[in-house]
């Protein structure tokens, strides 16, 4: 998955993180006092100097409080409309959305690493997809996708729908040629590749998995490493290969040929993509309409 795809998929995660940081400040304003001391409660101290709840509140509001509160208002409107329509979200609904997101990542590890980079666990993600799934259930009945639209999408996006050749590879990465030569000699004498990777590889992301890189495609890793991996036969191991970071020994354990899916094979996936696109287009106007129809009192922006 490229960076632009990741940005599109995870922009709402960033919004969630902002909410998590500011919700306390918004709903527990700086009038909170320390009952024992009779003074305003501090949220932190730096070399004995207190940072007060007032400072915290004002800083958080200034750095995105209005936008965050607007998101919370939107969430509440969506939930109210769901109750009116008798819409409920099941665990299966959430799991289906998670599965759809995972398809945008090359591997499960890449998905988990992205979660980690946002400071989230899978449980965090599930809990905070509720509103997204509710909105989809509200708007999906308004969406109609035709076979002609599906065919047009398939024709226009066929190159991106194709699956390139892939190899399942593992590697042991070390700093010097001497280390790599010594490992290569151990392997030729019957050494266990996974055990040596765990013991000697300096790639912390893969060493505990025996050096497993998963299935890799062209352009997904160091070009020298990639060239060596794709040149190997299944079940064979390379000689030491010099890379940008040192020397690698690579093993290929499986290979998948490039393939072009048929329209029938991709029909449901394309339909869901088009549904999501239309829901995204509809959601802004729908929310604006609901806000206009509702009585909303925003005390954060209201003049004192």
C-alpha atoms as a PDB file:
ATOM      1  CA  UNK A   1       0.000   0.000   0.000  1.00  0.00           C
ATOM      2  CA  UNK A   2       1.417   3.393  -0.966  1.00  0.00           C
ATOM      3  CA  UNK A   3       1.571   6.455   1.255  1.00  0.00           C
ATOM      4  CA  UNK A   4      -1.450   8.157  -0.323  1.00  0.00           C
ATOM      5  CA  UNK A   5      -3.582   5.063   0.271  1.00  0.00           C
ATOM      6  CA  UNK A   6      -2.418   4.932   3.874  1.00  0.00           C
ATOM      7  CA  UNK A   7      -3.273   8.612   4.351  1.00  0.00           C
ATOM      8  CA  UNK A   8      -6.794   8.085   3.009  1.00  0.00           C
ATOM      9  CA  UNK A   9      -7.383   4.999   5.137  1.00  0.00           C
ATOM     10  CA  UNK A  10      -6.053   6.436   8.375  1.00  0.00           C
ATOM     11  CA  UNK A  11      -7.002  10.104   8.343  1.00  0.00           C
ATOM     12  CA  UNK A  12      -9.986   9.286  10.586  1.00  0.00           C
ATOM     13  CA  UNK A  13      -7.595   7.551  12.998  1.00  0.00           C
ATOM     14  CA  UNK A  14      -5.765  10.832  13.456  1.00  0.00           C
ATOM     15  CA  UNK A  15      -9.095  12.477  14.232  1.00  0.00           C
ATOM     16  CA  UNK A  16      -9.755   9.836  16.876  1.00  0.00           C
ATOM     17  CA  UNK A  17      -6.417  10.540  18.531  1.00  0.00           C
ATOM     18  CA  UNK A  18      -7.189  14.249  18.694  1.00  0.00           C
ATOM     19  CA  UNK A  19     -10.550  13.430  20.273  1.00  0.00           C
ATOM     20  CA  UNK A  20      -8.876  11.198  22.835  1.00  0.00           C
ATOM     21  CA  UNK A  21      -6.555  14.036  23.847  1.00  0.00           C
ATOM     22  CA  UNK A  22      -9.142  16.814  23.977  1.00  0.00           C
ATOM     23  CA  UNK A  23     -12.333  15.216  25.210  1.00  0.00           C
ATOM     24  CA  UNK A  24     -11.212  15.490  28.848  1.00  0.00           C
ATOM     25  CA  UNK A  25     -10.363  19.145  28.442  1.00  0.00           C
ATOM     26  CA  UNK A  26     -13.678  19.954  26.767  1.00  0.00           C
ATOM     27  CA  UNK A  27     -15.972  18.174  29.167  1.00  0.00           C
ATOM     28  CA  UNK A  28     -13.994  18.703  32.379  1.00  0.00           C
ATOM     29  CA  UNK A  29     -13.201  22.417  32.024  1.00  0.00           C
ATOM     30  CA  UNK A  30     -10.610  24.371  33.974  1.00  0.00           C
ATOM     31  CA  UNK A  31     -12.936  25.195  36.875  1.00  0.00           C
ATOM     32  CA  UNK A  32     -11.825  21.886  38.414  1.00  0.00           C
ATOM     33  CA  UNK A  33     -10.150  22.597  41.729  1.00  0.00           C
ATOM     34  CA  UNK A  34      -7.913  20.683  44.043  1.00  0.00           C
ATOM     35  CA  UNK A  35     -10.211  20.206  47.051  1.00  0.00           C
ATOM     36  CA  UNK A  36      -7.357  19.792  49.515  1.00  0.00           C
ATOM     37  CA  UNK A  37      -5.210  22.678  48.428  1.00  0.00           C
ATOM     38  CA  UNK A  38      -8.051  25.033  47.430  1.00  0.00           C
ATOM     39  CA  UNK A  39      -6.229  25.888  44.209  1.00  0.00           C
ATOM     40  CA  UNK A  40      -6.683  24.930  40.608  1.00  0.00           C
ATOM     41  CA  UNK A  41      -5.598  21.378  39.917  1.00  0.00           C
ATOM     42  CA  UNK A  42      -2.349  20.909  37.984  1.00  0.00           C
ATOM     43  CA  UNK A  43      -2.131  18.449  35.118  1.00  0.00           C
ATOM     44  CA  UNK A  44       1.688  18.436  35.124  1.00  0.00           C
ATOM     45  CA  UNK A  45       4.751  20.026  36.672  1.00  0.00           C
ATOM     46  CA  UNK A  46       8.020  21.055  35.044  1.00  0.00           C
ATOM     47  CA  UNK A  47      10.872  21.597  37.502  1.00  0.00           C
ATOM     48  CA  UNK A  48       8.298  22.359  40.180  1.00  0.00           C
ATOM     49  CA  UNK A  49       6.288  24.793  38.019  1.00  0.00           C
ATOM     50  CA  UNK A  50       2.669  23.688  37.551  1.00  0.00           C
ATOM     51  CA  UNK A  51       0.802  23.503  34.261  1.00  0.00           C
ATOM     52  CA  UNK A  52      -2.810  24.179  35.209  1.00  0.00           C
ATOM     53  CA  UNK A  53      -6.023  22.737  33.845  1.00  0.00           C
ATOM     54  CA  UNK A  54      -6.782  26.196  32.466  1.00  0.00           C
ATOM     55  CA  UNK A  55      -3.580  26.198  30.428  1.00  0.00           C
ATOM     56  CA  UNK A  56      -4.232  22.652  29.285  1.00  0.00           C
ATOM     57  CA  UNK A  57      -7.828  23.410  28.332  1.00  0.00           C
ATOM     58  CA  UNK A  58      -7.009  26.602  26.439  1.00  0.00           C
ATOM     59  CA  UNK A  59      -4.107  24.999  24.580  1.00  0.00           C
ATOM     60  CA  UNK A  60      -6.146  21.986  23.525  1.00  0.00           C
ATOM     61  CA  UNK A  61      -9.070  24.120  22.393  1.00  0.00           C
ATOM     62  CA  UNK A  62      -6.726  26.375  20.424  1.00  0.00           C
ATOM     63  CA  UNK A  63      -5.043  23.406  18.734  1.00  0.00           C
ATOM     64  CA  UNK A  64      -8.196  21.731  17.464  1.00  0.00           C
ATOM     65  CA  UNK A  65     -10.895  21.812  20.108  1.00  0.00           C
ATOM     66  CA  UNK A  66     -13.551  23.344  17.851  1.00  0.00           C
ATOM     67  CA  UNK A  67     -12.957  20.774  15.124  1.00  0.00           C
ATOM     68  CA  UNK A  68     -12.981  17.941  17.639  1.00  0.00           C
ATOM     69  CA  UNK A  69     -16.212  19.096  19.249  1.00  0.00           C
ATOM     70  CA  UNK A  70     -17.790  19.397  15.809  1.00  0.00           C
ATOM     71  CA  UNK A  71     -16.818  15.764  15.178  1.00  0.00           C
ATOM     72  CA  UNK A  72     -18.430  14.742  18.471  1.00  0.00           C
ATOM     73  CA  UNK A  73     -21.591  16.651  17.552  1.00  0.00           C
ATOM     74  CA  UNK A  74     -21.670  14.846  14.202  1.00  0.00           C
ATOM     75  CA  UNK A  75     -21.247  11.498  15.957  1.00  0.00           C
ATOM     76  CA  UNK A  76     -24.166  12.260  18.259  1.00  0.00           C
ATOM     77  CA  UNK A  77     -26.404  13.267  15.337  1.00  0.00           C
ATOM     78  CA  UNK A  78     -25.529  10.039  13.525  1.00  0.00           C
ATOM     79  CA  UNK A  79     -26.290   7.951  16.610  1.00  0.00           C
ATOM     80  CA  UNK A  80     -29.622   9.717  17.136  1.00  0.00           C
ATOM     81  CA  UNK A  81     -30.622   9.084  13.518  1.00  0.00           C
ATOM     82  CA  UNK A  82     -29.611   5.437  13.884  1.00  0.00           C
ATOM     83  CA  UNK A  83     -31.895   5.049  16.910  1.00  0.00           C
ATOM     84  CA  UNK A  84     -34.796   6.577  14.984  1.00  0.00           C
ATOM     85  CA  UNK A  85     -34.223   4.120  12.135  1.00  0.00           C
ATOM     86  CA  UNK A  86     -33.742   1.152  14.464  1.00  0.00           C
ATOM     87  CA  UNK A  87     -30.212   0.598  13.159  1.00  0.00           C
ATOM     88  CA  UNK A  88     -27.853  -1.493  15.261  1.00  0.00           C
ATOM     89  CA  UNK A  89     -24.217  -2.398  14.715  1.00  0.00           C
ATOM     90  CA  UNK A  90     -23.155  -5.978  15.363  1.00  0.00           C
ATOM     91  CA  UNK A  91     -19.730  -7.412  15.996  1.00  0.00           C
ATOM     92  CA  UNK A  92     -19.889  -8.963  12.515  1.00  0.00           C
ATOM     93  CA  UNK A  93     -20.457  -5.499  11.004  1.00  0.00           C
ATOM     94  CA  UNK A  94     -17.324  -4.201  12.704  1.00  0.00           C
ATOM     95  CA  UNK A  95     -15.283  -7.265  11.748  1.00  0.00           C
ATOM     96  CA  UNK A  96     -16.354  -6.903   8.102  1.00  0.00           C
ATOM     97  CA  UNK A  97     -15.159  -3.308   8.064  1.00  0.00           C
ATOM     98  CA  UNK A  98     -11.854  -4.322   9.637  1.00  0.00           C
ATOM     99  CA  UNK A  99     -11.451  -7.027   6.986  1.00  0.00           C
ATOM    100  CA  UNK A 100     -12.087  -4.453   4.246  1.00  0.00           C
ATOM    101  CA  UNK A 101      -9.424  -2.135   5.695  1.00  0.00           C
ATOM    102  CA  UNK A 102      -6.933  -4.996   5.931  1.00  0.00           C
ATOM    103  CA  UNK A 103      -7.257  -5.611   2.183  1.00  0.00           C
ATOM    104  CA  UNK A 104      -5.528  -2.276   1.635  1.00  0.00           C
ATOM    105  CA  UNK A 105      -2.381  -3.611   3.312  1.00  0.00           C
ATOM    106  CA  UNK A 106       0.048  -6.056   1.775  1.00  0.00           C
ATOM    107  CA  UNK A 107       0.373  -8.105   4.947  1.00  0.00           C
ATOM    108  CA  UNK A 108      -1.113  -8.492   8.413  1.00  0.00           C
ATOM    109  CA  UNK A 109       2.180  -7.190   9.830  1.00  0.00           C
ATOM    110  CA  UNK A 110       1.888  -3.978   7.808  1.00  0.00           C
ATOM    111  CA  UNK A 111      -1.634  -3.479   9.149  1.00  0.00           C
ATOM    112  CA  UNK A 112      -0.491  -4.065  12.745  1.00  0.00           C
ATOM    113  CA  UNK A 113       2.502  -1.751  12.318  1.00  0.00           C
ATOM    114  CA  UNK A 114       0.209   1.019  11.061  1.00  0.00           C
ATOM    115  CA  UNK A 115      -2.020   0.575  14.099  1.00  0.00           C
ATOM    116  CA  UNK A 116       1.025   0.766  16.357  1.00  0.00           C
ATOM    117  CA  UNK A 117       2.254   3.934  14.631  1.00  0.00           C
ATOM    118  CA  UNK A 118      -1.032   5.615  15.598  1.00  0.00           C
ATOM    119  CA  UNK A 119      -0.778   4.341  19.169  1.00  0.00           C
ATOM    120  CA  UNK A 120      -3.790   2.081  18.723  1.00  0.00           C
ATOM    121  CA  UNK A 121      -4.630  -1.566  19.292  1.00  0.00           C
ATOM    122  CA  UNK A 122      -7.079  -3.603  17.243  1.00  0.00           C
ATOM    123  CA  UNK A 123      -9.609  -3.255  20.075  1.00  0.00           C
ATOM    124  CA  UNK A 124      -9.205   0.544  19.950  1.00  0.00           C
ATOM    125  CA  UNK A 125      -9.889   0.469  16.230  1.00  0.00           C
ATOM    126  CA  UNK A 126     -13.010  -1.653  16.629  1.00  0.00           C
ATOM    127  CA  UNK A 127     -14.443   0.564  19.372  1.00  0.00           C
ATOM    128  CA  UNK A 128     -13.978   3.690  17.300  1.00  0.00           C
ATOM    129  CA  UNK A 129     -15.443   2.346  14.057  1.00  0.00           C
ATOM    130  CA  UNK A 130     -18.963   2.313  15.489  1.00  0.00           C
ATOM    131  CA  UNK A 131     -20.014   5.690  14.074  1.00  0.00           C
ATOM    132  CA  UNK A 132     -18.448   4.983  10.691  1.00  0.00           C
ATOM    133  CA  UNK A 133     -20.400   1.727  10.381  1.00  0.00           C
ATOM    134  CA  UNK A 134     -23.640   3.351  11.588  1.00  0.00           C
ATOM    135  CA  UNK A 135     -23.361   6.105   8.968  1.00  0.00           C
ATOM    136  CA  UNK A 136     -22.769   3.515   6.278  1.00  0.00           C
ATOM    137  CA  UNK A 137     -25.918   1.638   7.323  1.00  0.00           C
ATOM    138  CA  UNK A 138     -27.955   4.851   7.263  1.00  0.00           C
ATOM    139  CA  UNK A 139     -26.806   5.964   3.813  1.00  0.00           C
ATOM    140  CA  UNK A 140     -26.290   2.683   1.961  1.00  0.00           C
ATOM    141  CA  UNK A 141     -30.015   2.268   1.120  1.00  0.00           C
ATOM    142  CA  UNK A 142     -29.745   5.546  -0.830  1.00  0.00           C
ATOM    143  CA  UNK A 143     -26.977   4.136  -3.042  1.00  0.00           C
ATOM    144  CA  UNK A 144     -27.537   2.279  -6.295  1.00  0.00           C
ATOM    145  CA  UNK A 145     -24.657   0.670  -8.171  1.00  0.00           C
ATOM    146  CA  UNK A 146     -25.248  -0.659 -11.695  1.00  0.00           C
ATOM    147  CA  UNK A 147     -23.422  -3.403 -13.580  1.00  0.00           C
ATOM    148  CA  UNK A 148     -22.348  -0.749 -16.090  1.00  0.00           C
ATOM    149  CA  UNK A 149     -20.630   1.251 -13.335  1.00  0.00           C
ATOM    150  CA  UNK A 150     -18.858  -1.874 -12.081  1.00  0.00           C
ATOM    151  CA  UNK A 151     -17.672  -2.729 -15.599  1.00  0.00           C
ATOM    152  CA  UNK A 152     -16.458   0.838 -16.159  1.00  0.00           C
ATOM    153  CA  UNK A 153     -14.483   0.787 -12.897  1.00  0.00           C
ATOM    154  CA  UNK A 154     -12.966  -2.583 -13.798  1.00  0.00           C
ATOM    155  CA  UNK A 155     -11.866  -1.367 -17.228  1.00  0.00           C
ATOM    156  CA  UNK A 156     -10.442   1.912 -15.924  1.00  0.00           C
ATOM    157  CA  UNK A 157      -8.592   0.347 -12.980  1.00  0.00           C
ATOM    158  CA  UNK A 158      -7.533  -3.024 -14.349  1.00  0.00           C
ATOM    159  CA  UNK A 159      -3.816  -2.376 -13.922  1.00  0.00           C
ATOM    160  CA  UNK A 160      -4.207  -1.664 -10.210  1.00  0.00           C
ATOM    161  CA  UNK A 161      -6.439  -4.724  -9.788  1.00  0.00           C
ATOM    162  CA  UNK A 162      -3.794  -7.064 -11.158  1.00  0.00           C
ATOM    163  CA  UNK A 163      -1.690  -9.080  -8.712  1.00  0.00           C
ATOM    164  CA  UNK A 164       2.038  -8.846  -9.508  1.00  0.00           C
ATOM    165  CA  UNK A 165       4.467 -11.717  -9.114  1.00  0.00           C
ATOM    166  CA  UNK A 166       5.260 -12.365  -5.458  1.00  0.00           C
ATOM    167  CA  UNK A 167       7.876 -14.347  -3.591  1.00  0.00           C
ATOM    168  CA  UNK A 168       7.740 -15.445   0.028  1.00  0.00           C
ATOM    169  CA  UNK A 169      11.140 -14.578   1.413  1.00  0.00           C
ATOM    170  CA  UNK A 170      13.127 -14.559   4.630  1.00  0.00           C
ATOM    171  CA  UNK A 171      16.420 -12.830   5.294  1.00  0.00           C
ATOM    172  CA  UNK A 172      19.258 -12.519   7.752  1.00  0.00           C
ATOM    173  CA  UNK A 173      20.710  -9.021   7.835  1.00  0.00           C
ATOM    174  CA  UNK A 174      24.185  -8.309   9.243  1.00  0.00           C
ATOM    175  CA  UNK A 175      26.616  -5.416   9.131  1.00  0.00           C
ATOM    176  CA  UNK A 176      29.731  -6.991   7.577  1.00  0.00           C
ATOM    177  CA  UNK A 177      30.657  -9.443   4.840  1.00  0.00           C
ATOM    178  CA  UNK A 178      32.634 -11.498   7.348  1.00  0.00           C
ATOM    179  CA  UNK A 179      29.502 -12.070   9.435  1.00  0.00           C
ATOM    180  CA  UNK A 180      27.479 -12.899   6.332  1.00  0.00           C
ATOM    181  CA  UNK A 181      30.097 -15.370   5.068  1.00  0.00           C
ATOM    182  CA  UNK A 182      30.179 -17.109   8.453  1.00  0.00           C
ATOM    183  CA  UNK A 183      26.372 -17.474   8.462  1.00  0.00           C
ATOM    184  CA  UNK A 184      26.380 -18.719   4.867  1.00  0.00           C
ATOM    185  CA  UNK A 185      28.884 -21.382   5.876  1.00  0.00           C
ATOM    186  CA  UNK A 186      26.698 -22.455   8.812  1.00  0.00           C
ATOM    187  CA  UNK A 187      23.689 -22.755   6.515  1.00  0.00           C
ATOM    188  CA  UNK A 188      25.613 -24.901   4.031  1.00  0.00           C
ATOM    189  CA  UNK A 189      26.524 -27.186   6.928  1.00  0.00           C
ATOM    190  CA  UNK A 190      22.885 -27.689   7.837  1.00  0.00           C
ATOM    191  CA  UNK A 191      22.273 -24.672  10.063  1.00  0.00           C
ATOM    192  CA  UNK A 192      18.679 -23.648  10.721  1.00  0.00           C
ATOM    193  CA  UNK A 193      17.836 -20.419   8.845  1.00  0.00           C
ATOM    194  CA  UNK A 194      15.117 -19.236  11.253  1.00  0.00           C
ATOM    195  CA  UNK A 195      17.245 -19.918  14.330  1.00  0.00           C
ATOM    196  CA  UNK A 196      20.215 -18.040  12.864  1.00  0.00           C
ATOM    197  CA  UNK A 197      17.976 -15.110  11.938  1.00  0.00           C
ATOM    198  CA  UNK A 198      16.680 -14.886  15.508  1.00  0.00           C
ATOM    199  CA  UNK A 199      20.206 -15.053  16.879  1.00  0.00           C
ATOM    200  CA  UNK A 200      22.169 -12.894  14.458  1.00  0.00           C
ATOM    201  CA  UNK A 201      19.953 -10.698  12.250  1.00  0.00           C
ATOM    202  CA  UNK A 202      20.024  -6.980  12.975  1.00  0.00           C
ATOM    203  CA  UNK A 203      16.579  -6.472  11.430  1.00  0.00           C
ATOM    204  CA  UNK A 204      14.514  -6.120  14.612  1.00  0.00           C
ATOM    205  CA  UNK A 205      11.244  -6.131  12.671  1.00  0.00           C
ATOM    206  CA  UNK A 206      11.758  -9.662  11.323  1.00  0.00           C
ATOM    207  CA  UNK A 207      14.382 -11.445  13.432  1.00  0.00           C
ATOM    208  CA  UNK A 208      11.910 -12.790  15.999  1.00  0.00           C
ATOM    209  CA  UNK A 209       9.907 -14.286  13.117  1.00  0.00           C
ATOM    210  CA  UNK A 210      12.942 -16.131  11.793  1.00  0.00           C
ATOM    211  CA  UNK A 211      13.626 -13.380   9.264  1.00  0.00           C
ATOM    212  CA  UNK A 212      10.246 -13.814   7.546  1.00  0.00           C
ATOM    213  CA  UNK A 213       9.437 -10.935   5.177  1.00  0.00           C
ATOM    214  CA  UNK A 214       6.139 -12.448   4.042  1.00  0.00           C
ATOM    215  CA  UNK A 215       5.148 -12.217   0.386  1.00  0.00           C
ATOM    216  CA  UNK A 216       6.970  -9.366  -1.314  1.00  0.00           C
ATOM    217  CA  UNK A 217       6.381  -7.697  -4.659  1.00  0.00           C
ATOM    218  CA  UNK A 218       8.539  -5.617  -6.931  1.00  0.00           C
ATOM    219  CA  UNK A 219       9.303  -2.222  -5.445  1.00  0.00           C
ATOM    220  CA  UNK A 220       8.510  -3.219  -1.864  1.00  0.00           C
ATOM    221  CA  UNK A 221      12.065  -3.486  -0.510  1.00  0.00           C
ATOM    222  CA  UNK A 222      15.733  -2.647  -1.138  1.00  0.00           C
ATOM    223  CA  UNK A 223      16.351  -3.008  -4.895  1.00  0.00           C
ATOM    224  CA  UNK A 224      19.440  -5.185  -4.488  1.00  0.00           C
ATOM    225  CA  UNK A 225      17.633  -7.443  -2.027  1.00  0.00           C
ATOM    226  CA  UNK A 226      14.625  -7.594  -4.335  1.00  0.00           C
ATOM    227  CA  UNK A 227      16.708  -8.527  -7.388  1.00  0.00           C
ATOM    228  CA  UNK A 228      18.379 -11.339  -5.481  1.00  0.00           C
ATOM    229  CA  UNK A 229      15.080 -12.629  -4.052  1.00  0.00           C
ATOM    230  CA  UNK A 230      13.279 -12.779  -7.398  1.00  0.00           C
ATOM    231  CA  UNK A 231      16.277 -14.516  -9.000  1.00  0.00           C
ATOM    232  CA  UNK A 232      16.133 -17.419  -6.519  1.00  0.00           C
ATOM    233  CA  UNK A 233      14.316 -20.681  -7.116  1.00  0.00           C
ATOM    234  CA  UNK A 234      11.782 -21.744  -4.518  1.00  0.00           C
ATOM    235  CA  UNK A 235      13.503 -23.481  -1.590  1.00  0.00           C
ATOM    236  CA  UNK A 236      16.946 -22.005  -2.274  1.00  0.00           C
ATOM    237  CA  UNK A 237      19.172 -19.588  -0.367  1.00  0.00           C
ATOM    238  CA  UNK A 238      21.342 -16.795  -1.744  1.00  0.00           C
ATOM    239  CA  UNK A 239      24.992 -16.080  -1.163  1.00  0.00           C
ATOM    240  CA  UNK A 240      25.640 -12.906   0.871  1.00  0.00           C
ATOM    241  CA  UNK A 241      24.220  -9.877  -0.936  1.00  0.00           C
ATOM    242  CA  UNK A 242      25.454  -6.360  -0.275  1.00  0.00           C
ATOM    243  CA  UNK A 243      22.625  -3.906   0.467  1.00  0.00           C
ATOM    244  CA  UNK A 244      22.381  -0.291   1.582  1.00  0.00           C
ATOM    245  CA  UNK A 245      22.551  -1.393   5.222  1.00  0.00           C
ATOM    246  CA  UNK A 246      25.153  -4.138   5.107  1.00  0.00           C
ATOM    247  CA  UNK A 247      24.874  -7.742   3.894  1.00  0.00           C
ATOM    248  CA  UNK A 248      21.861 -10.016   3.599  1.00  0.00           C
ATOM    249  CA  UNK A 249      21.311 -13.712   3.071  1.00  0.00           C
ATOM    250  CA  UNK A 250      17.926 -14.447   1.494  1.00  0.00           C
ATOM    251  CA  UNK A 251      15.803 -17.572   1.316  1.00  0.00           C
ATOM    252  CA  UNK A 252      12.742 -17.975  -0.925  1.00  0.00           C
ATOM    253  CA  UNK A 253      10.150 -20.496   0.260  1.00  0.00           C
ATOM    254  CA  UNK A 254       7.253 -19.879  -2.143  1.00  0.00           C
ATOM    255  CA  UNK A 255       6.365 -18.035  -5.320  1.00  0.00           C
ATOM    256  CA  UNK A 256       3.090 -16.725  -6.755  1.00  0.00           C
ATOM    257  CA  UNK A 257       2.831 -15.907 -10.438  1.00  0.00           C
ATOM    258  CA  UNK A 258       1.370 -12.585 -11.581  1.00  0.00           C
ATOM    259  CA  UNK A 259      -2.355 -12.796 -12.293  1.00  0.00           C
ATOM    260  CA  UNK A 260      -5.156 -10.740 -13.817  1.00  0.00           C
ATOM    261  CA  UNK A 261      -8.543 -11.122 -12.097  1.00  0.00           C
ATOM    262  CA  UNK A 262     -11.732 -11.475 -14.112  1.00  0.00           C
ATOM    263  CA  UNK A 263     -14.611  -9.045 -13.785  1.00  0.00           C
ATOM    264  CA  UNK A 264     -16.657 -11.692 -11.967  1.00  0.00           C
ATOM    265  CA  UNK A 265     -13.851 -12.263  -9.471  1.00  0.00           C
ATOM    266  CA  UNK A 266     -13.698  -8.557  -8.612  1.00  0.00           C
ATOM    267  CA  UNK A 267     -17.374  -7.665  -8.995  1.00  0.00           C
ATOM    268  CA  UNK A 268     -18.321  -7.628  -5.291  1.00  0.00           C
ATOM    269  CA  UNK A 269     -15.123  -5.876  -4.258  1.00  0.00           C
ATOM    270  CA  UNK A 270     -15.651  -3.174  -6.894  1.00  0.00           C
ATOM    271  CA  UNK A 271     -19.297  -2.795  -5.878  1.00  0.00           C
ATOM    272  CA  UNK A 272     -18.280  -2.170  -2.265  1.00  0.00           C
ATOM    273  CA  UNK A 273     -15.654   0.345  -3.394  1.00  0.00           C
ATOM    274  CA  UNK A 274     -18.257   2.263  -5.417  1.00  0.00           C
ATOM    275  CA  UNK A 275     -20.752   2.111  -2.548  1.00  0.00           C
ATOM    276  CA  UNK A 276     -18.154   3.559  -0.174  1.00  0.00           C
ATOM    277  CA  UNK A 277     -17.317   6.310  -2.669  1.00  0.00           C
ATOM    278  CA  UNK A 278     -20.951   7.319  -2.970  1.00  0.00           C
ATOM    279  CA  UNK A 279     -21.472   7.190   0.796  1.00  0.00           C
ATOM    280  CA  UNK A 280     -18.451   9.458   1.213  1.00  0.00           C
ATOM    281  CA  UNK A 281     -20.004  11.912  -1.251  1.00  0.00           C
ATOM    282  CA  UNK A 282     -23.438  11.750   0.380  1.00  0.00           C
ATOM    283  CA  UNK A 283     -22.262  11.990   3.985  1.00  0.00           C
ATOM    284  CA  UNK A 284     -21.182  15.634   3.933  1.00  0.00           C
ATOM    285  CA  UNK A 285     -24.495  16.909   2.548  1.00  0.00           C
ATOM    286  CA  UNK A 286     -26.453  14.561   4.818  1.00  0.00           C
ATOM    287  CA  UNK A 287     -24.670  15.785   7.944  1.00  0.00           C
ATOM    288  CA  UNK A 288     -25.090  19.423   6.937  1.00  0.00           C
ATOM    289  CA  UNK A 289     -28.820  18.848   6.505  1.00  0.00           C
ATOM    290  CA  UNK A 290     -29.158  17.109   9.880  1.00  0.00           C
ATOM    291  CA  UNK A 291     -27.272  19.908  11.620  1.00  0.00           C
ATOM    292  CA  UNK A 292     -29.550  22.486   9.996  1.00  0.00           C
ATOM    293  CA  UNK A 293     -32.615  20.565  11.192  1.00  0.00           C
ATOM    294  CA  UNK A 294     -31.336  20.089  14.749  1.00  0.00           C
ATOM    295  CA  UNK A 295     -31.058  22.281  17.817  1.00  0.00           C
ATOM    296  CA  UNK A 296     -27.337  22.397  18.631  1.00  0.00           C
ATOM    297  CA  UNK A 297     -25.856  24.457  21.448  1.00  0.00           C
ATOM    298  CA  UNK A 298     -22.094  24.711  21.188  1.00  0.00           C
ATOM    299  CA  UNK A 299     -20.796  26.081  24.489  1.00  0.00           C
ATOM    300  CA  UNK A 300     -17.185  25.885  23.381  1.00  0.00           C
ATOM    301  CA  UNK A 301     -17.603  28.653  20.792  1.00  0.00           C
ATOM    302  CA  UNK A 302     -20.402  30.515  22.559  1.00  0.00           C
ATOM    303  CA  UNK A 303     -19.408  33.884  23.946  1.00  0.00           C
ATOM    304  CA  UNK A 304     -19.061  33.923  27.728  1.00  0.00           C
END
